[in-house]
Amino acid sequence: MNAPVEGIALGAVIIGLALSTFLTRTSFLLAGARVRLNHRIEVALRYAPVCTLSAIIVPDIFMHARDTADFSLLNPRVIGVLAAALWLAWSRNIVGCLALGMAAYTLARLYL
């Protein structure tokens, strides 16, 4: 079993993580004006946030019970996502998308 990190070791871990985060993020800002990426790479990197968000959210939606995937329309999360997606496609209103998705999810969770 691992012991918790305390005292000076905890401070060293926090400072080390802060420095690594600072250095990796500022390197792109400092080198951004001098280093030019290939056009195809720049176009591909535009999809990185969407891909990352999808990789985090999609398993949470469909893996309702931790061991099996639930693709049925009786899954409250699927109902919420479908309602939000339809609203966003129809109106392009993100606040309404969030509100309708959460309302549909809540109602489905309560009544299914």
C-alpha atoms as a PDB file:
ATOM      1  CA  MET A   1       0.000   0.000   0.000  1.00  0.00           C
ATOM      2  CA  ASN A   2       1.274   3.472  -0.811  1.00  0.00           C
ATOM      3  CA  ALA A   3       1.842   5.926   1.992  1.00  0.00           C
ATOM      4  CA  PRO A   4       0.419   9.432   1.605  1.00  0.00           C
ATOM      5  CA  VAL A   5       2.817  12.177   0.575  1.00  0.00           C
ATOM      6  CA  GLU A   6       3.284  14.666   3.413  1.00  0.00           C
ATOM      7  CA  GLY A   7       5.444  17.583   4.487  1.00  0.00           C
ATOM      8  CA  ILE A   8       8.397  18.598   2.334  1.00  0.00           C
ATOM      9  CA  ALA A   9       7.753  15.801  -0.155  1.00  0.00           C
ATOM     10  CA  LEU A  10       4.244  17.143  -0.772  1.00  0.00           C
ATOM     11  CA  GLY A  11       5.636  20.625  -1.338  1.00  0.00           C
ATOM     12  CA  ALA A  12       8.222  19.242  -3.763  1.00  0.00           C
ATOM     13  CA  VAL A  13       5.536  17.375  -5.700  1.00  0.00           C
ATOM     14  CA  ILE A  14       3.343  20.498  -5.943  1.00  0.00           C
ATOM     15  CA  ILE A  15       6.250  22.697  -7.054  1.00  0.00           C
ATOM     16  CA  GLY A  16       7.433  20.082  -9.558  1.00  0.00           C
ATOM     17  CA  LEU A  17       3.986  19.713 -11.114  1.00  0.00           C
ATOM     18  CA  ALA A  18       3.535  23.489 -11.246  1.00  0.00           C
ATOM     19  CA  LEU A  19       6.889  23.919 -12.987  1.00  0.00           C
ATOM     20  CA  SER A  20       6.246  21.155 -15.491  1.00  0.00           C
ATOM     21  CA  THR A  21       2.835  22.622 -16.324  1.00  0.00           C
ATOM     22  CA  PHE A  22       4.275  26.128 -16.636  1.00  0.00           C
ATOM     23  CA  LEU A  23       7.169  25.042 -18.853  1.00  0.00           C
ATOM     24  CA  THR A  24       5.092  22.915 -21.223  1.00  0.00           C
ATOM     25  CA  ARG A  25       2.443  25.584 -21.681  1.00  0.00           C
ATOM     26  CA  THR A  26       4.767  28.568 -22.052  1.00  0.00           C
ATOM     27  CA  SER A  27       6.992  26.737 -24.525  1.00  0.00           C
ATOM     28  CA  PHE A  28       4.172  26.905 -27.071  1.00  0.00           C
ATOM     29  CA  LEU A  29       3.626  30.593 -26.403  1.00  0.00           C
ATOM     30  CA  LEU A  30       7.308  31.496 -26.644  1.00  0.00           C
ATOM     31  CA  ALA A  31       8.075  29.367 -29.693  1.00  0.00           C
ATOM     32  CA  GLY A  32       4.735  29.971 -31.395  1.00  0.00           C
ATOM     33  CA  ALA A  33       5.849  33.008 -33.374  1.00  0.00           C
ATOM     34  CA  ARG A  34       9.155  31.442 -34.483  1.00  0.00           C
ATOM     35  CA  VAL A  35       8.074  27.890 -35.270  1.00  0.00           C
ATOM     36  CA  ARG A  36       5.584  27.286 -38.055  1.00  0.00           C
ATOM     37  CA  LEU A  37       3.848  23.936 -38.350  1.00  0.00           C
ATOM     38  CA  ASN A  38       2.873  22.314 -41.599  1.00  0.00           C
ATOM     39  CA  HIS A  39      -0.570  23.436 -42.779  1.00  0.00           C
ATOM     40  CA  ARG A  40      -1.943  19.884 -42.595  1.00  0.00           C
ATOM     41  CA  ILE A  41      -0.777  19.556 -38.991  1.00  0.00           C
ATOM     42  CA  GLU A  42      -2.408  22.868 -38.050  1.00  0.00           C
ATOM     43  CA  VAL A  43      -5.696  21.737 -39.618  1.00  0.00           C
ATOM     44  CA  ALA A  44      -5.500  18.397 -37.822  1.00  0.00           C
ATOM     45  CA  LEU A  45      -4.776  20.065 -34.459  1.00  0.00           C
ATOM     46  CA  ARG A  46      -8.016  22.043 -34.714  1.00  0.00           C
ATOM     47  CA  TYR A  47      -9.870  18.782 -34.032  1.00  0.00           C
ATOM     48  CA  ALA A  48      -7.818  17.875 -30.945  1.00  0.00           C
ATOM     49  CA  PRO A  49     -10.149  19.517 -28.368  1.00  0.00           C
ATOM     50  CA  VAL A  50     -13.237  17.850 -29.842  1.00  0.00           C
ATOM     51  CA  CYS A  51     -11.512  14.469 -29.962  1.00  0.00           C
ATOM     52  CA  THR A  52     -10.306  14.797 -26.378  1.00  0.00           C
ATOM     53  CA  LEU A  53     -13.719  15.827 -25.107  1.00  0.00           C
ATOM     54  CA  SER A  54     -15.360  12.974 -26.995  1.00  0.00           C
ATOM     55  CA  ALA A  55     -12.884  10.473 -25.600  1.00  0.00           C
ATOM     56  CA  ILE A  56     -13.769  11.580 -22.076  1.00  0.00           C
ATOM     57  CA  ILE A  57     -17.548  11.966 -22.402  1.00  0.00           C
ATOM     58  CA  VAL A  58     -18.644   9.117 -24.717  1.00  0.00           C
ATOM     59  CA  PRO A  59     -17.553   6.278 -22.419  1.00  0.00           C
ATOM     60  CA  ASP A  60     -19.291   7.978 -19.502  1.00  0.00           C
ATOM     61  CA  ILE A  61     -22.538   8.173 -21.463  1.00  0.00           C
ATOM     62  CA  PHE A  62     -22.658   4.586 -22.651  1.00  0.00           C
ATOM     63  CA  MET A  63     -20.925   2.760 -19.791  1.00  0.00           C
ATOM     64  CA  HIS A  64     -23.862   3.237 -17.430  1.00  0.00           C
ATOM     65  CA  ALA A  65     -23.039   0.112 -15.428  1.00  0.00           C
ATOM     66  CA  ARG A  66     -19.242  -0.041 -15.187  1.00  0.00           C
ATOM     67  CA  ASP A  67     -18.926  -3.433 -16.871  1.00  0.00           C
ATOM     68  CA  THR A  68     -21.310  -3.299 -19.851  1.00  0.00           C
ATOM     69  CA  ALA A  69     -22.217  -0.731 -22.468  1.00  0.00           C
ATOM     70  CA  ASP A  70     -25.822   0.476 -22.522  1.00  0.00           C
ATOM     71  CA  PHE A  71     -26.852   1.801 -25.954  1.00  0.00           C
ATOM     72  CA  SER A  72     -30.590   1.571 -25.339  1.00  0.00           C
ATOM     73  CA  LEU A  73     -32.979   4.509 -25.301  1.00  0.00           C
ATOM     74  CA  LEU A  74     -33.806   3.616 -21.704  1.00  0.00           C
ATOM     75  CA  ASN A  75     -30.388   4.947 -20.651  1.00  0.00           C
ATOM     76  CA  PRO A  76     -31.088   8.415 -19.159  1.00  0.00           C
ATOM     77  CA  ARG A  77     -27.705   9.706 -20.310  1.00  0.00           C
ATOM     78  CA  VAL A  78     -28.444   8.796 -23.924  1.00  0.00           C
ATOM     79  CA  ILE A  79     -31.801  10.583 -23.696  1.00  0.00           C
ATOM     80  CA  GLY A  80     -30.112  13.708 -22.328  1.00  0.00           C
ATOM     81  CA  VAL A  81     -27.437  13.682 -25.022  1.00  0.00           C
ATOM     82  CA  LEU A  82     -29.964  13.175 -27.823  1.00  0.00           C
ATOM     83  CA  ALA A  83     -32.173  15.990 -26.536  1.00  0.00           C
ATOM     84  CA  ALA A  84     -29.189  18.338 -26.224  1.00  0.00           C
ATOM     85  CA  ALA A  85     -27.839  17.414 -29.665  1.00  0.00           C
ATOM     86  CA  LEU A  86     -31.196  17.940 -31.353  1.00  0.00           C
ATOM     87  CA  TRP A  87     -31.660  21.303 -29.642  1.00  0.00           C
ATOM     88  CA  LEU A  88     -28.154  22.432 -30.591  1.00  0.00           C
ATOM     89  CA  ALA A  89     -28.604  21.343 -34.212  1.00  0.00           C
ATOM     90  CA  TRP A  90     -31.929  23.166 -34.407  1.00  0.00           C
ATOM     91  CA  SER A  91     -31.179  26.400 -32.552  1.00  0.00           C
ATOM     92  CA  ARG A  92     -27.366  26.756 -32.141  1.00  0.00           C
ATOM     93  CA  ASN A  93     -28.076  28.024 -28.598  1.00  0.00           C
ATOM     94  CA  ILE A  94     -25.579  26.503 -26.159  1.00  0.00           C
ATOM     95  CA  VAL A  95     -27.421  27.633 -23.005  1.00  0.00           C
ATOM     96  CA  GLY A  96     -30.634  26.033 -24.219  1.00  0.00           C
ATOM     97  CA  CYS A  97     -28.652  22.942 -25.169  1.00  0.00           C
ATOM     98  CA  LEU A  98     -27.294  22.602 -21.642  1.00  0.00           C
ATOM     99  CA  ALA A  99     -30.663  23.315 -20.023  1.00  0.00           C
ATOM    100  CA  LEU A 100     -32.643  20.934 -22.229  1.00  0.00           C
ATOM    101  CA  GLY A 101     -30.038  18.187 -21.998  1.00  0.00           C
ATOM    102  CA  MET A 102     -29.962  18.352 -18.202  1.00  0.00           C
ATOM    103  CA  ALA A 103     -33.762  18.556 -17.973  1.00  0.00           C
ATOM    104  CA  ALA A 104     -34.198  15.540 -20.264  1.00  0.00           C
ATOM    105  CA  TYR A 105     -31.548  13.591 -18.343  1.00  0.00           C
ATOM    106  CA  THR A 106     -33.130  14.427 -14.990  1.00  0.00           C
ATOM    107  CA  LEU A 107     -36.645  13.543 -16.105  1.00  0.00           C
ATOM    108  CA  ALA A 108     -35.468  10.304 -17.687  1.00  0.00           C
ATOM    109  CA  ARG A 109     -33.510   9.373 -14.572  1.00  0.00           C
ATOM    110  CA  LEU A 110     -36.514  10.074 -12.337  1.00  0.00           C
ATOM    111  CA  TYR A 111     -39.191   8.361 -14.422  1.00  0.00           C
ATOM    112  CA  LEU A 112     -37.396   5.455 -16.147  1.00  0.00           C
END
